[in-house]
Amino acid sequence: MSKSKSTLTDLYNGELYPAETIPADSKEYQRQDAAIHKAFLDLHKTLSNNQILLLEAYLENRSEATKIELESTFAEGFKLGAKIMMEVVSGNPPSIKNINLVIREGKKDDTNNNAEGH
């Protein structure tokens, strides 16, 4: 990250890469990645050329679908975080009994009228 004191400025200027902050250096991740790689190589040895092409097409499509899922999850998490911040800043967070409803449905509870319009 740059020396800027603004995360928003860094994001705007392309100096912040949230998608690239995966835990690749964790032992657990490295073990799992090695197991996946070994399983792929073992499977690859048993396949015909046509089966290899089919597998590679499957993996490419699966990778694209996973990318879409991760982008959506990131966006939803960001929206939820922003929503929580707006409620905290407004001084009118929902009552405790309504928090599960707010999170589960992704919208404000109709019984919590003082949070409307935020």
PDB file of N, CA and C in Angstrom:
ATOM      1  N   MET A   1       0.848  -1.167   0.000  1.00  0.00           N
ATOM      2  CA  MET A   1       0.000   0.000   0.000  1.00  0.00           C
ATOM      3  C   MET A   1       0.897   1.234   0.000  1.00  0.00           C
ATOM      4  N   SER A   2       0.388   2.295  -0.578  1.00  0.00           N
ATOM      5  CA  SER A   2       1.187   3.516  -0.669  1.00  0.00           C
ATOM      6  C   SER A   2       1.267   4.207   0.683  1.00  0.00           C
ATOM      7  N   LYS A   3       1.969   5.337   0.687  1.00  0.00           N
ATOM      8  CA  LYS A   3       2.122   6.116   1.913  1.00  0.00           C
ATOM      9  C   LYS A   3       0.926   7.022   2.167  1.00  0.00           C
ATOM     10  N   SER A   4      -0.074   6.980   1.300  1.00  0.00           N
ATOM     11  CA  SER A   4      -1.274   7.799   1.465  1.00  0.00           C
ATOM     12  C   SER A   4      -1.972   7.441   2.770  1.00  0.00           C
ATOM     13  N   LYS A   5      -2.599   8.433   3.383  1.00  0.00           N
ATOM     14  CA  LYS A   5      -3.330   8.181   4.617  1.00  0.00           C
ATOM     15  C   LYS A   5      -4.787   7.861   4.336  1.00  0.00           C
ATOM     16  N   SER A   6      -5.171   7.802   3.055  1.00  0.00           N
ATOM     17  CA  SER A   6      -6.549   7.550   2.688  1.00  0.00           C
ATOM     18  C   SER A   6      -6.684   6.235   1.932  1.00  0.00           C
ATOM     19  N   THR A   7      -7.396   5.304   2.515  1.00  0.00           N
ATOM     20  CA  THR A   7      -7.649   4.027   1.855  1.00  0.00           C
ATOM     21  C   THR A   7      -8.439   4.259   0.577  1.00  0.00           C
ATOM     22  N   LEU A   8      -9.404   5.167   0.615  1.00  0.00           N
ATOM     23  CA  LEU A   8     -10.212   5.461  -0.563  1.00  0.00           C
ATOM     24  C   LEU A   8      -9.339   6.001  -1.701  1.00  0.00           C
ATOM     25  N   THR A   9      -8.385   6.863  -1.381  1.00  0.00           N
ATOM     26  CA  THR A   9      -7.472   7.400  -2.396  1.00  0.00           C
ATOM     27  C   THR A   9      -6.614   6.282  -2.969  1.00  0.00           C
ATOM     28  N   ASP A  10      -6.109   5.420  -2.106  1.00  0.00           N
ATOM     29  CA  ASP A  10      -5.306   4.287  -2.576  1.00  0.00           C
ATOM     30  C   ASP A  10      -6.120   3.376  -3.490  1.00  0.00           C
ATOM     31  N   LEU A  11      -7.352   3.112  -3.125  1.00  0.00           N
ATOM     32  CA  LEU A  11      -8.225   2.267  -3.941  1.00  0.00           C
ATOM     33  C   LEU A  11      -8.470   2.927  -5.293  1.00  0.00           C
ATOM     34  N   TYR A  12      -8.787   4.207  -5.292  1.00  0.00           N
ATOM     35  CA  TYR A  12      -9.041   4.949  -6.520  1.00  0.00           C
ATOM     36  C   TYR A  12      -7.820   4.950  -7.437  1.00  0.00           C
ATOM     37  N   ASN A  13      -6.643   5.124  -6.857  1.00  0.00           N
ATOM     38  CA  ASN A  13      -5.409   5.196  -7.640  1.00  0.00           C
ATOM     39  C   ASN A  13      -4.839   3.827  -8.010  1.00  0.00           C
ATOM     40  N   GLY A  14      -5.556   2.772  -7.696  1.00  0.00           N
ATOM     41  CA  GLY A  14      -5.099   1.439  -8.059  1.00  0.00           C
ATOM     42  C   GLY A  14      -3.934   0.942  -7.239  1.00  0.00           C
ATOM     43  N   GLU A  15      -3.785   1.459  -6.030  1.00  0.00           N
ATOM     44  CA  GLU A  15      -2.681   1.063  -5.174  1.00  0.00           C
ATOM     45  C   GLU A  15      -3.102   0.072  -4.093  1.00  0.00           C
ATOM     46  N   LEU A  16      -4.351  -0.293  -4.092  1.00  0.00           N
ATOM     47  CA  LEU A  16      -4.890  -1.223  -3.108  1.00  0.00           C
ATOM     48  C   LEU A  16      -5.528  -2.374  -3.865  1.00  0.00           C
ATOM     49  N   TYR A  17      -5.154  -3.589  -3.529  1.00  0.00           N
ATOM     50  CA  TYR A  17      -5.616  -4.766  -4.247  1.00  0.00           C
ATOM     51  C   TYR A  17      -6.257  -5.770  -3.290  1.00  0.00           C
ATOM     52  N   PRO A  18      -7.498  -5.555  -2.879  1.00  0.00           N
ATOM     53  CA  PRO A  18      -8.131  -6.456  -1.905  1.00  0.00           C
ATOM     54  C   PRO A  18      -8.158  -7.918  -2.346  1.00  0.00           C
ATOM     55  N   ALA A  19      -8.332  -8.163  -3.643  1.00  0.00           N
ATOM     56  CA  ALA A  19      -8.410  -9.534  -4.134  1.00  0.00           C
ATOM     57  C   ALA A  19      -7.086 -10.273  -4.046  1.00  0.00           C
ATOM     58  N   GLU A  20      -6.003  -9.545  -3.872  1.00  0.00           N
ATOM     59  CA  GLU A  20      -4.685 -10.170  -3.824  1.00  0.00           C
ATOM     60  C   GLU A  20      -4.171 -10.369  -2.408  1.00  0.00           C
ATOM     61  N   THR A  21      -5.018 -10.190  -1.432  1.00  0.00           N
ATOM     62  CA  THR A  21      -4.585 -10.354  -0.043  1.00  0.00           C
ATOM     63  C   THR A  21      -5.054 -11.689   0.519  1.00  0.00           C
ATOM     64  N   ILE A  22      -4.904 -12.753  -0.266  1.00  0.00           N
ATOM     65  CA  ILE A  22      -5.267 -14.079   0.203  1.00  0.00           C
ATOM     66  C   ILE A  22      -4.188 -14.583   1.159  1.00  0.00           C
ATOM     67  N   PRO A  23      -4.542 -15.508   2.005  1.00  0.00           N
ATOM     68  CA  PRO A  23      -3.573 -15.991   3.011  1.00  0.00           C
ATOM     69  C   PRO A  23      -2.591 -17.018   2.454  1.00  0.00           C
ATOM     70  N   ALA A  24      -1.963 -16.724   1.318  1.00  0.00           N
ATOM     71  CA  ALA A  24      -1.082 -17.688   0.659  1.00  0.00           C
ATOM     72  C   ALA A  24       0.129 -18.069   1.497  1.00  0.00           C
ATOM     73  N   ASP A  25       0.462 -17.253   2.473  1.00  0.00           N
ATOM     74  CA  ASP A  25       1.631 -17.578   3.275  1.00  0.00           C
ATOM     75  C   ASP A  25       1.285 -18.361   4.541  1.00  0.00           C
ATOM     76  N   SER A  26       0.008 -18.656   4.751  1.00  0.00           N
ATOM     77  CA  SER A  26      -0.354 -19.436   5.937  1.00  0.00           C
ATOM     78  C   SER A  26      -0.043 -20.918   5.699  1.00  0.00           C
ATOM     79  N   LYS A  27       0.346 -21.597   6.740  1.00  0.00           N
ATOM     80  CA  LYS A  27       0.679 -23.032   6.653  1.00  0.00           C
ATOM     81  C   LYS A  27      -0.525 -23.844   6.194  1.00  0.00           C
ATOM     82  N   GLU A  28      -1.694 -23.515   6.711  1.00  0.00           N
ATOM     83  CA  GLU A  28      -2.909 -24.254   6.345  1.00  0.00           C
ATOM     84  C   GLU A  28      -3.197 -24.119   4.843  1.00  0.00           C
ATOM     85  N   TYR A  29      -3.081 -22.895   4.334  1.00  0.00           N
ATOM     86  CA  TYR A  29      -3.321 -22.666   2.914  1.00  0.00           C
ATOM     87  C   TYR A  29      -2.298 -23.432   2.069  1.00  0.00           C
ATOM     88  N   GLN A  30      -1.035 -23.382   2.458  1.00  0.00           N
ATOM     89  CA  GLN A  30       0.012 -24.064   1.703  1.00  0.00           C
ATOM     90  C   GLN A  30      -0.210 -25.577   1.682  1.00  0.00           C
ATOM     91  N   ARG A  31      -0.618 -26.146   2.828  1.00  0.00           N
ATOM     92  CA  ARG A  31      -0.908 -27.591   2.877  1.00  0.00           C
ATOM     93  C   ARG A  31      -2.062 -27.945   1.947  1.00  0.00           C
ATOM     94  N   GLN A  32      -3.119 -27.148   1.986  1.00  0.00           N
ATOM     95  CA  GLN A  32      -4.289 -27.421   1.156  1.00  0.00           C
ATOM     96  C   GLN A  32      -3.942 -27.277  -0.323  1.00  0.00           C
ATOM     97  N   ASP A  33      -3.191 -26.241  -0.668  1.00  0.00           N
ATOM     98  CA  ASP A  33      -2.792 -26.014  -2.054  1.00  0.00           C
ATOM     99  C   ASP A  33      -1.927 -27.166  -2.561  1.00  0.00           C
ATOM    100  N   ALA A  34      -1.006 -27.654  -1.731  1.00  0.00           N
ATOM    101  CA  ALA A  34      -0.156 -28.779  -2.118  1.00  0.00           C
ATOM    102  C   ALA A  34      -0.987 -30.044  -2.328  1.00  0.00           C
ATOM    103  N   ALA A  35      -1.978 -30.269  -1.477  1.00  0.00           N
ATOM    104  CA  ALA A  35      -2.846 -31.445  -1.610  1.00  0.00           C
ATOM    105  C   ALA A  35      -3.657 -31.364  -2.903  1.00  0.00           C
ATOM    106  N   ILE A  36      -4.158 -30.187  -3.223  1.00  0.00           N
ATOM    107  CA  ILE A  36      -4.921 -30.005  -4.464  1.00  0.00           C
ATOM    108  C   ILE A  36      -4.017 -30.256  -5.669  1.00  0.00           C
ATOM    109  N   HIS A  37      -2.816 -29.716  -5.635  1.00  0.00           N
ATOM    110  CA  HIS A  37      -1.879 -29.878  -6.745  1.00  0.00           C
ATOM    111  C   HIS A  37      -1.523 -31.352  -6.947  1.00  0.00           C
ATOM    112  N   LYS A  38      -1.267 -32.063  -5.863  1.00  0.00           N
ATOM    113  CA  LYS A  38      -0.931 -33.489  -5.962  1.00  0.00           C
ATOM    114  C   LYS A  38      -2.098 -34.290  -6.528  1.00  0.00           C
ATOM    115  N   ALA A  39      -3.302 -34.011  -6.044  1.00  0.00           N
ATOM    116  CA  ALA A  39      -4.479 -34.719  -6.537  1.00  0.00           C
ATOM    117  C   ALA A  39      -4.680 -34.453  -8.028  1.00  0.00           C
ATOM    118  N   PHE A  40      -4.453 -33.209  -8.460  1.00  0.00           N
ATOM    119  CA  PHE A  40      -4.582 -32.872  -9.869  1.00  0.00           C
ATOM    120  C   PHE A  40      -3.567 -33.649 -10.706  1.00  0.00           C
ATOM    121  N   LEU A  41      -2.315 -33.680 -10.262  1.00  0.00           N
ATOM    122  CA  LEU A  41      -1.288 -34.405 -11.007  1.00  0.00           C
ATOM    123  C   LEU A  41      -1.589 -35.897 -11.066  1.00  0.00           C
ATOM    124  N   ASP A  42      -2.042 -36.471  -9.960  1.00  0.00           N
ATOM    125  CA  ASP A  42      -2.403 -37.891  -9.940  1.00  0.00           C
ATOM    126  C   ASP A  42      -3.542 -38.179 -10.915  1.00  0.00           C
ATOM    127  N   LEU A  43      -4.546 -37.325 -10.922  1.00  0.00           N
ATOM    128  CA  LEU A  43      -5.671 -37.494 -11.840  1.00  0.00           C
ATOM    129  C   LEU A  43      -5.215 -37.301 -13.279  1.00  0.00           C
ATOM    130  N   HIS A  44      -4.425 -36.290 -13.524  1.00  0.00           N
ATOM    131  CA  HIS A  44      -3.951 -35.959 -14.870  1.00  0.00           C
ATOM    132  C   HIS A  44      -3.246 -37.148 -15.521  1.00  0.00           C
ATOM    133  N   LYS A  45      -2.483 -37.898 -14.734  1.00  0.00           N
ATOM    134  CA  LYS A  45      -1.733 -39.057 -15.252  1.00  0.00           C
ATOM    135  C   LYS A  45      -2.655 -40.156 -15.764  1.00  0.00           C
ATOM    136  N   THR A  46      -3.865 -40.218 -15.257  1.00  0.00           N
ATOM    137  CA  THR A  46      -4.776 -41.305 -15.607  1.00  0.00           C
ATOM    138  C   THR A  46      -5.700 -40.967 -16.776  1.00  0.00           C
ATOM    139  N   LEU A  47      -5.673 -39.741 -17.255  1.00  0.00           N
ATOM    140  CA  LEU A  47      -6.626 -39.297 -18.264  1.00  0.00           C
ATOM    141  C   LEU A  47      -6.073 -39.356 -19.679  1.00  0.00           C
ATOM    142  N   SER A  48      -6.992 -39.568 -20.617  1.00  0.00           N
ATOM    143  CA  SER A  48      -6.628 -39.491 -22.035  1.00  0.00           C
ATOM    144  C   SER A  48      -6.509 -38.015 -22.416  1.00  0.00           C
ATOM    145  N   ASN A  49      -5.992 -37.749 -23.612  1.00  0.00           N
ATOM    146  CA  ASN A  49      -5.863 -36.363 -24.067  1.00  0.00           C
ATOM    147  C   ASN A  49      -7.219 -35.661 -24.111  1.00  0.00           C
ATOM    148  N   ASN A  50      -8.242 -36.355 -24.597  1.00  0.00           N
ATOM    149  CA  ASN A  50      -9.578 -35.768 -24.670  1.00  0.00           C
ATOM    150  C   ASN A  50     -10.121 -35.480 -23.263  1.00  0.00           C
ATOM    151  N   GLN A  51      -9.899 -36.393 -22.349  1.00  0.00           N
ATOM    152  CA  GLN A  51     -10.349 -36.180 -20.968  1.00  0.00           C
ATOM    153  C   GLN A  51      -9.611 -35.013 -20.313  1.00  0.00           C
ATOM    154  N   ILE A  52      -8.342 -34.862 -20.647  1.00  0.00           N
ATOM    155  CA  ILE A  52      -7.570 -33.731 -20.120  1.00  0.00           C
ATOM    156  C   ILE A  52      -8.160 -32.415 -20.611  1.00  0.00           C
ATOM    157  N   LEU A  53      -8.505 -32.360 -21.904  1.00  0.00           N
ATOM    158  CA  LEU A  53      -9.124 -31.153 -22.447  1.00  0.00           C
ATOM    159  C   LEU A  53     -10.454 -30.850 -21.755  1.00  0.00           C
ATOM    160  N   LEU A  54     -11.244 -31.888 -21.518  1.00  0.00           N
ATOM    161  CA  LEU A  54     -12.525 -31.707 -20.821  1.00  0.00           C
ATOM    162  C   LEU A  54     -12.298 -31.206 -19.388  1.00  0.00           C
ATOM    163  N   LEU A  55     -11.317 -31.789 -18.707  1.00  0.00           N
ATOM    164  CA  LEU A  55     -11.007 -31.376 -17.344  1.00  0.00           C
ATOM    165  C   LEU A  55     -10.541 -29.925 -17.309  1.00  0.00           C
ATOM    166  N   GLU A  56      -9.674 -29.546 -18.224  1.00  0.00           N
ATOM    167  CA  GLU A  56      -9.181 -28.174 -18.258  1.00  0.00           C
ATOM    168  C   GLU A  56     -10.305 -27.179 -18.543  1.00  0.00           C
ATOM    169  N   ALA A  57     -11.234 -27.549 -19.425  1.00  0.00           N
ATOM    170  CA  ALA A  57     -12.384 -26.678 -19.699  1.00  0.00           C
ATOM    171  C   ALA A  57     -13.255 -26.556 -18.454  1.00  0.00           C
ATOM    172  N   TYR A  58     -13.453 -27.676 -17.775  1.00  0.00           N
ATOM    173  CA  TYR A  58     -14.241 -27.651 -16.533  1.00  0.00           C
ATOM    174  C   TYR A  58     -13.574 -26.742 -15.501  1.00  0.00           C
ATOM    175  N   LEU A  59     -12.278 -26.919 -15.300  1.00  0.00           N
ATOM    176  CA  LEU A  59     -11.556 -26.126 -14.301  1.00  0.00           C
ATOM    177  C   LEU A  59     -11.578 -24.632 -14.630  1.00  0.00           C
ATOM    178  N   GLU A  60     -11.472 -24.300 -15.913  1.00  0.00           N
ATOM    179  CA  GLU A  60     -11.519 -22.892 -16.314  1.00  0.00           C
ATOM    180  C   GLU A  60     -12.895 -22.299 -16.006  1.00  0.00           C
ATOM    181  N   ASN A  61     -13.949 -23.032 -16.335  1.00  0.00           N
ATOM    182  CA  ASN A  61     -15.307 -22.553 -16.047  1.00  0.00           C
ATOM    183  C   ASN A  61     -15.565 -22.474 -14.547  1.00  0.00           C
ATOM    184  N   ARG A  62     -15.073 -23.457 -13.801  1.00  0.00           N
ATOM    185  CA  ARG A  62     -15.232 -23.446 -12.344  1.00  0.00           C
ATOM    186  C   ARG A  62     -14.504 -22.255 -11.734  1.00  0.00           C
ATOM    187  N   SER A  63     -13.325 -21.964 -12.268  1.00  0.00           N
ATOM    188  CA  SER A  63     -12.552 -20.831 -11.787  1.00  0.00           C
ATOM    189  C   SER A  63     -13.293 -19.516 -12.033  1.00  0.00           C
ATOM    190  N   GLU A  64     -13.883 -19.365 -13.204  1.00  0.00           N
ATOM    191  CA  GLU A  64     -14.649 -18.148 -13.505  1.00  0.00           C
ATOM    192  C   GLU A  64     -15.862 -18.025 -12.593  1.00  0.00           C
ATOM    193  N   ALA A  65     -16.557 -19.143 -12.343  1.00  0.00           N
ATOM    194  CA  ALA A  65     -17.715 -19.114 -11.450  1.00  0.00           C
ATOM    195  C   ALA A  65     -17.292 -18.745 -10.034  1.00  0.00           C
ATOM    196  N   THR A  66     -16.165 -19.273  -9.583  1.00  0.00           N
ATOM    197  CA  THR A  66     -15.648 -18.952  -8.250  1.00  0.00           C
ATOM    198  C   THR A  66     -15.296 -17.471  -8.164  1.00  0.00           C
ATOM    199  N   LYS A  67     -14.720 -16.931  -9.218  1.00  0.00           N
ATOM    200  CA  LYS A  67     -14.385 -15.502  -9.249  1.00  0.00           C
ATOM    201  C   LYS A  67     -15.651 -14.664  -9.081  1.00  0.00           C
ATOM    202  N   ILE A  68     -16.705 -15.032  -9.785  1.00  0.00           N
ATOM    203  CA  ILE A  68     -17.980 -14.308  -9.687  1.00  0.00           C
ATOM    204  C   ILE A  68     -18.534 -14.411  -8.268  1.00  0.00           C
ATOM    205  N   GLU A  69     -18.468 -15.603  -7.684  1.00  0.00           N
ATOM    206  CA  GLU A  69     -18.947 -15.805  -6.312  1.00  0.00           C
ATOM    207  C   GLU A  69     -18.161 -14.941  -5.325  1.00  0.00           C
ATOM    208  N   LEU A  70     -16.840 -14.919  -5.468  1.00  0.00           N
ATOM    209  CA  LEU A  70     -16.005 -14.137  -4.559  1.00  0.00           C
ATOM    210  C   LEU A  70     -16.252 -12.641  -4.714  1.00  0.00           C
ATOM    211  N   GLU A  71     -16.423 -12.179  -5.951  1.00  0.00           N
ATOM    212  CA  GLU A  71     -16.737 -10.767  -6.169  1.00  0.00           C
ATOM    213  C   GLU A  71     -18.061 -10.400  -5.514  1.00  0.00           C
ATOM    214  N   SER A  72     -19.043 -11.270  -5.655  1.00  0.00           N
ATOM    215  CA  SER A  72     -20.355 -11.018  -5.062  1.00  0.00           C
ATOM    216  C   SER A  72     -20.280 -11.030  -3.539  1.00  0.00           C
ATOM    217  N   THR A  73     -19.546 -11.978  -2.989  1.00  0.00           N
ATOM    218  CA  THR A  73     -19.382 -12.062  -1.540  1.00  0.00           C
ATOM    219  C   THR A  73     -18.665 -10.824  -1.005  1.00  0.00           C
ATOM    220  N   PHE A  74     -17.636 -10.382  -1.716  1.00  0.00           N
ATOM    221  CA  PHE A  74     -16.913  -9.179  -1.319  1.00  0.00           C
ATOM    222  C   PHE A  74     -17.852  -7.974  -1.328  1.00  0.00           C
ATOM    223  N   ALA A  75     -18.619  -7.824  -2.400  1.00  0.00           N
ATOM    224  CA  ALA A  75     -19.538  -6.688  -2.517  1.00  0.00           C
ATOM    225  C   ALA A  75     -20.591  -6.724  -1.413  1.00  0.00           C
ATOM    226  N   GLU A  76     -21.148  -7.892  -1.137  1.00  0.00           N
ATOM    227  CA  GLU A  76     -22.160  -7.998  -0.087  1.00  0.00           C
ATOM    228  C   GLU A  76     -21.565  -7.705   1.289  1.00  0.00           C
ATOM    229  N   GLY A  77     -20.351  -8.176   1.540  1.00  0.00           N
ATOM    230  CA  GLY A  77     -19.685  -7.882   2.804  1.00  0.00           C
ATOM    231  C   GLY A  77     -19.405  -6.399   2.944  1.00  0.00           C
ATOM    232  N   PHE A  78     -18.991  -5.780   1.855  1.00  0.00           N
ATOM    233  CA  PHE A  78     -18.724  -4.342   1.866  1.00  0.00           C
ATOM    234  C   PHE A  78     -20.018  -3.573   2.143  1.00  0.00           C
ATOM    235  N   LYS A  79     -21.108  -3.970   1.479  1.00  0.00           N
ATOM    236  CA  LYS A  79     -22.406  -3.313   1.697  1.00  0.00           C
ATOM    237  C   LYS A  79     -22.848  -3.465   3.148  1.00  0.00           C
ATOM    238  N   LEU A  80     -22.677  -4.662   3.688  1.00  0.00           N
ATOM    239  CA  LEU A  80     -23.069  -4.899   5.076  1.00  0.00           C
ATOM    240  C   LEU A  80     -22.241  -4.036   6.016  1.00  0.00           C
ATOM    241  N   GLY A  81     -20.937  -3.972   5.782  1.00  0.00           N
ATOM    242  CA  GLY A  81     -20.076  -3.129   6.612  1.00  0.00           C
ATOM    243  C   GLY A  81     -20.477  -1.666   6.532  1.00  0.00           C
ATOM    244  N   ALA A  82     -20.786  -1.191   5.328  1.00  0.00           N
ATOM    245  CA  ALA A  82     -21.211   0.197   5.154  1.00  0.00           C
ATOM    246  C   ALA A  82     -22.546   0.435   5.852  1.00  0.00           C
ATOM    247  N   LYS A  83     -23.432  -0.518   5.762  1.00  0.00           N
ATOM    248  CA  LYS A  83     -24.744  -0.397   6.409  1.00  0.00           C
ATOM    249  C   LYS A  83     -24.581  -0.312   7.932  1.00  0.00           C
ATOM    250  N   ILE A  84     -23.720  -1.153   8.465  1.00  0.00           N
ATOM    251  CA  ILE A  84     -23.465  -1.131   9.904  1.00  0.00           C
ATOM    252  C   ILE A  84     -22.874   0.224  10.305  1.00  0.00           C
ATOM    253  N   MET A  85     -21.915   0.720   9.525  1.00  0.00           N
ATOM    254  CA  MET A  85     -21.311   2.020   9.829  1.00  0.00           C
ATOM    255  C   MET A  85     -22.353   3.135   9.783  1.00  0.00           C
ATOM    256  N   MET A  86     -23.250   3.095   8.797  1.00  0.00           N
ATOM    257  CA  MET A  86     -24.292   4.119   8.695  1.00  0.00           C
ATOM    258  C   MET A  86     -25.203   4.076   9.916  1.00  0.00           C
ATOM    259  N   GLU A  87     -25.535   2.884  10.373  1.00  0.00           N
ATOM    260  CA  GLU A  87     -26.403   2.761  11.539  1.00  0.00           C
ATOM    261  C   GLU A  87     -25.700   3.249  12.805  1.00  0.00           C
ATOM    262  N   VAL A  88     -24.426   2.952  12.922  1.00  0.00           N
ATOM    263  CA  VAL A  88     -23.668   3.393  14.091  1.00  0.00           C
ATOM    264  C   VAL A  88     -23.539   4.917  14.083  1.00  0.00           C
ATOM    265  N   VAL A  89     -23.181   5.478  12.943  1.00  0.00           N
ATOM    266  CA  VAL A  89     -23.005   6.925  12.834  1.00  0.00           C
ATOM    267  C   VAL A  89     -24.329   7.661  13.048  1.00  0.00           C
ATOM    268  N   SER A  90     -25.435   7.073  12.590  1.00  0.00           N
ATOM    269  CA  SER A  90     -26.739   7.729  12.728  1.00  0.00           C
ATOM    270  C   SER A  90     -27.201   7.761  14.179  1.00  0.00           C
ATOM    271  N   GLY A  91     -26.619   6.920  15.016  1.00  0.00           N
ATOM    272  CA  GLY A  91     -27.030   6.856  16.415  1.00  0.00           C
ATOM    273  C   GLY A  91     -28.338   6.113  16.620  1.00  0.00           C
ATOM    274  N   ASN A  92     -28.835   5.494  15.561  1.00  0.00           N
ATOM    275  CA  ASN A  92     -30.102   4.766  15.641  1.00  0.00           C
ATOM    276  C   ASN A  92     -29.976   3.326  15.141  1.00  0.00           C
ATOM    277  N   PRO A  93     -29.071   2.554  15.742  1.00  0.00           N
ATOM    278  CA  PRO A  93     -28.973   1.161  15.292  1.00  0.00           C
ATOM    279  C   PRO A  93     -30.249   0.414  15.654  1.00  0.00           C
ATOM    280  N   PRO A  94     -30.558  -0.656  14.933  1.00  0.00           N
ATOM    281  CA  PRO A  94     -31.777  -1.404  15.238  1.00  0.00           C
ATOM    282  C   PRO A  94     -31.669  -2.048  16.618  1.00  0.00           C
ATOM    283  N   SER A  95     -32.816  -2.359  17.192  1.00  0.00           N
ATOM    284  CA  SER A  95     -32.795  -3.027  18.486  1.00  0.00           C
ATOM    285  C   SER A  95     -32.190  -4.407  18.326  1.00  0.00           C
ATOM    286  N   ILE A  96     -31.681  -4.955  19.388  1.00  0.00           N
ATOM    287  CA  ILE A  96     -31.017  -6.265  19.363  1.00  0.00           C
ATOM    288  C   ILE A  96     -31.939  -7.334  18.782  1.00  0.00           C
ATOM    289  N   LYS A  97     -33.217  -7.316  19.113  1.00  0.00           N
ATOM    290  CA  LYS A  97     -34.119  -8.365  18.621  1.00  0.00           C
ATOM    291  C   LYS A  97     -34.285  -8.311  17.109  1.00  0.00           C
ATOM    292  N   ASN A  98     -34.002  -7.154  16.491  1.00  0.00           N
ATOM    293  CA  ASN A  98     -34.176  -7.025  15.057  1.00  0.00           C
ATOM    294  C   ASN A  98     -32.888  -7.224  14.265  1.00  0.00           C
ATOM    295  N   ILE A  99     -31.749  -7.350  14.926  1.00  0.00           N
ATOM    296  CA  ILE A  99     -30.476  -7.456  14.217  1.00  0.00           C
ATOM    297  C   ILE A  99     -30.444  -8.682  13.319  1.00  0.00           C
ATOM    298  N   ASN A 100     -30.896  -9.832  13.792  1.00  0.00           N
ATOM    299  CA  ASN A 100     -30.895 -11.029  12.947  1.00  0.00           C
ATOM    300  C   ASN A 100     -31.745 -10.823  11.703  1.00  0.00           C
ATOM    301  N   LEU A 101     -32.875 -10.155  11.843  1.00  0.00           N
ATOM    302  CA  LEU A 101     -33.739  -9.895  10.702  1.00  0.00           C
ATOM    303  C   LEU A 101     -33.054  -8.968   9.710  1.00  0.00           C
ATOM    304  N   VAL A 102     -32.402  -7.936  10.190  1.00  0.00           N
ATOM    305  CA  VAL A 102     -31.714  -6.983   9.324  1.00  0.00           C
ATOM    306  C   VAL A 102     -30.636  -7.691   8.520  1.00  0.00           C
ATOM    307  N   ILE A 103     -29.829  -8.505   9.174  1.00  0.00           N
ATOM    308  CA  ILE A 103     -28.736  -9.203   8.499  1.00  0.00           C
ATOM    309  C   ILE A 103     -29.271 -10.280   7.560  1.00  0.00           C
ATOM    310  N   ARG A 104     -30.224 -11.077   8.017  1.00  0.00           N
ATOM    311  CA  ARG A 104     -30.749 -12.185   7.235  1.00  0.00           C
ATOM    312  C   ARG A 104     -31.450 -11.700   5.969  1.00  0.00           C
ATOM    313  N   GLU A 105     -32.252 -10.658   6.081  1.00  0.00           N
ATOM    314  CA  GLU A 105     -33.035 -10.207   4.940  1.00  0.00           C
ATOM    315  C   GLU A 105     -32.352  -9.110   4.142  1.00  0.00           C
ATOM    316  N   GLY A 106     -31.295  -8.535   4.702  1.00  0.00           N
ATOM    317  CA  GLY A 106     -30.579  -7.487   4.001  1.00  0.00           C
ATOM    318  C   GLY A 106     -31.374  -6.205   3.849  1.00  0.00           C
ATOM    319  N   LYS A 107     -32.322  -6.004   4.740  1.00  0.00           N
ATOM    320  CA  LYS A 107     -33.117  -4.772   4.692  1.00  0.00           C
ATOM    321  C   LYS A 107     -33.540  -4.403   6.096  1.00  0.00           C
ATOM    322  N   LYS A 108     -34.024  -3.200   6.250  1.00  0.00           N
ATOM    323  CA  LYS A 108     -34.451  -2.730   7.558  1.00  0.00           C
ATOM    324  C   LYS A 108     -35.801  -3.338   7.932  1.00  0.00           C
ATOM    325  N   ASP A 109     -35.954  -3.613   9.191  1.00  0.00           N
ATOM    326  CA  ASP A 109     -37.202  -4.140   9.722  1.00  0.00           C
ATOM    327  C   ASP A 109     -38.244  -3.018   9.735  1.00  0.00           C
ATOM    328  N   ASP A 110     -39.462  -3.298   9.264  1.00  0.00           N
ATOM    329  CA  ASP A 110     -40.512  -2.293   9.214  1.00  0.00           C
ATOM    330  C   ASP A 110     -40.895  -1.782  10.594  1.00  0.00           C
ATOM    331  N   THR A 111     -40.648  -2.574  11.648  1.00  0.00           N
ATOM    332  CA  THR A 111     -41.016  -2.143  12.995  1.00  0.00           C
ATOM    333  C   THR A 111     -40.021  -1.152  13.570  1.00  0.00           C
ATOM    334  N   ASN A 112     -38.871  -0.981  12.913  1.00  0.00           N
ATOM    335  CA  ASN A 112     -37.837  -0.079  13.392  1.00  0.00           C
ATOM    336  C   ASN A 112     -37.912   1.219  12.593  1.00  0.00           C
ATOM    337  N   ASN A 113     -38.955   1.984  12.808  1.00  0.00           N
ATOM    338  CA  ASN A 113     -39.225   3.181  12.009  1.00  0.00           C
ATOM    339  C   ASN A 113     -38.162   4.244  12.124  1.00  0.00           C
ATOM    340  N   ASN A 114     -37.469   4.318  13.252  1.00  0.00           N
ATOM    341  CA  ASN A 114     -36.485   5.389  13.426  1.00  0.00           C
ATOM    342  C   ASN A 114     -35.245   5.164  12.560  1.00  0.00           C
ATOM    343  N   ALA A 115     -35.086   4.009  11.929  1.00  0.00           N
ATOM    344  CA  ALA A 115     -33.925   3.752  11.068  1.00  0.00           C
ATOM    345  C   ALA A 115     -34.280   3.965   9.604  1.00  0.00           C
ATOM    346  N   GLU A 116     -35.527   4.309   9.300  1.00  0.00           N
ATOM    347  CA  GLU A 116     -35.934   4.500   7.916  1.00  0.00           C
ATOM    348  C   GLU A 116     -35.225   5.695   7.316  1.00  0.00           C
ATOM    349  N   GLY A 117     -34.983   5.602   6.012  1.00  0.00           N
ATOM    350  CA  GLY A 117     -34.397   6.730   5.293  1.00  0.00           C
ATOM    351  C   GLY A 117     -32.886   6.812   5.375  1.00  0.00           C
ATOM    352  N   HIS A 118     -32.228   5.859   5.998  1.00  0.00           N
ATOM    353  CA  HIS A 118     -30.762   5.874   6.105  1.00  0.00           C
ATOM    354  C   HIS A 118     -30.177   4.834   5.204  1.00  0.00           C
TER     355      HIS A 118
END
